[in-house]
Every structure is written in C-alpha cells, then in structure tokens.
Amino acid sequence: MTPICFTFETLVALAGRAIHNAAMFLDVISEVCARVSSG
C-alpha cells in the first residue's frame, strides 16, 4: 500500500466522518429551532 493511497483513503474516511457529524449537528440544530419556533 502506497502512502498516497493510504492518505487518500484516510481523507475519505475523515470526510465521511465529518459529514456524518455535520448531519447529526444539523439534526440537533433543526430540532432546537423547531422547538423554539413552536414554543
């Protein structure tokens, strides 16, 4: 395994994790906004 491929796969894994965390974060934000607007 070459370092370039390892780095690329690592970046892909980190990007996927970041996207997953961002999606969870946005879900929390939207839920809070819904509660604030309804309350």
C-alpha atoms as a PDB file:
ATOM      1  CA  MET A   1       0.000   0.000   0.000  1.00  0.00           C
ATOM      2  CA  THR A   2       1.498   3.310  -1.058  1.00  0.00           C
ATOM      3  CA  PRO A   3       1.385   6.316   1.279  1.00  0.00           C
ATOM      4  CA  ILE A   4      -0.658   8.243  -1.310  1.00  0.00           C
ATOM      5  CA  CYS A   5      -3.408   5.633  -1.376  1.00  0.00           C
ATOM      6  CA  PHE A   6      -3.323   5.406   2.418  1.00  0.00           C
ATOM      7  CA  THR A   7      -3.585   9.180   2.709  1.00  0.00           C
ATOM      8  CA  PHE A   8      -6.424   9.290   0.185  1.00  0.00           C
ATOM      9  CA  GLU A   9      -8.401   6.586   1.980  1.00  0.00           C
ATOM     10  CA  THR A  10      -7.735   8.299   5.295  1.00  0.00           C
ATOM     11  CA  LEU A  11      -9.030  11.595   3.909  1.00  0.00           C
ATOM     12  CA  VAL A  12     -12.113   9.837   2.538  1.00  0.00           C
ATOM     13  CA  ALA A  13     -12.768   8.223   5.915  1.00  0.00           C
ATOM     14  CA  LEU A  14     -12.290  11.533   7.744  1.00  0.00           C
ATOM     15  CA  ALA A  15     -14.537  13.319   5.243  1.00  0.00           C
ATOM     16  CA  GLY A  16     -17.237  10.692   5.710  1.00  0.00           C
ATOM     17  CA  ARG A  17     -16.995  11.030   9.475  1.00  0.00           C
ATOM     18  CA  ALA A  18     -17.099  14.827   9.241  1.00  0.00           C
ATOM     19  CA  ILE A  19     -20.180  14.671   7.008  1.00  0.00           C
ATOM     20  CA  HIS A  20     -21.836  12.258   9.426  1.00  0.00           C
ATOM     21  CA  ASN A  21     -21.065  14.541  12.387  1.00  0.00           C
ATOM     22  CA  ALA A  22     -22.298  17.587  10.448  1.00  0.00           C
ATOM     23  CA  ALA A  23     -25.551  15.790   9.615  1.00  0.00           C
ATOM     24  CA  MET A  24     -26.112  14.918  13.281  1.00  0.00           C
ATOM     25  CA  PHE A  25     -25.260  18.504  14.256  1.00  0.00           C
ATOM     26  CA  LEU A  26     -27.743  19.903  11.730  1.00  0.00           C
ATOM     27  CA  ASP A  27     -30.409  17.499  13.002  1.00  0.00           C
ATOM     28  CA  VAL A  28     -29.892  18.840  16.520  1.00  0.00           C
ATOM     29  CA  ILE A  29     -29.984  22.440  15.290  1.00  0.00           C
ATOM     30  CA  SER A  30     -33.188  21.884  13.293  1.00  0.00           C
ATOM     31  CA  GLU A  31     -34.819  20.182  16.283  1.00  0.00           C
ATOM     32  CA  VAL A  32     -33.892  23.087  18.572  1.00  0.00           C
ATOM     33  CA  CYS A  33     -35.179  25.594  16.022  1.00  0.00           C
ATOM     34  CA  ALA A  34     -38.449  23.687  15.717  1.00  0.00           C
ATOM     35  CA  ARG A  35     -38.903  23.667  19.482  1.00  0.00           C
ATOM     36  CA  VAL A  36     -38.110  27.375  19.761  1.00  0.00           C
ATOM     37  CA  SER A  37     -40.450  28.359  16.922  1.00  0.00           C
ATOM     38  CA  SER A  38     -43.277  26.181  18.253  1.00  0.00           C
ATOM     39  CA  GLY A  39     -42.758  27.179  21.872  1.00  0.00           C
END
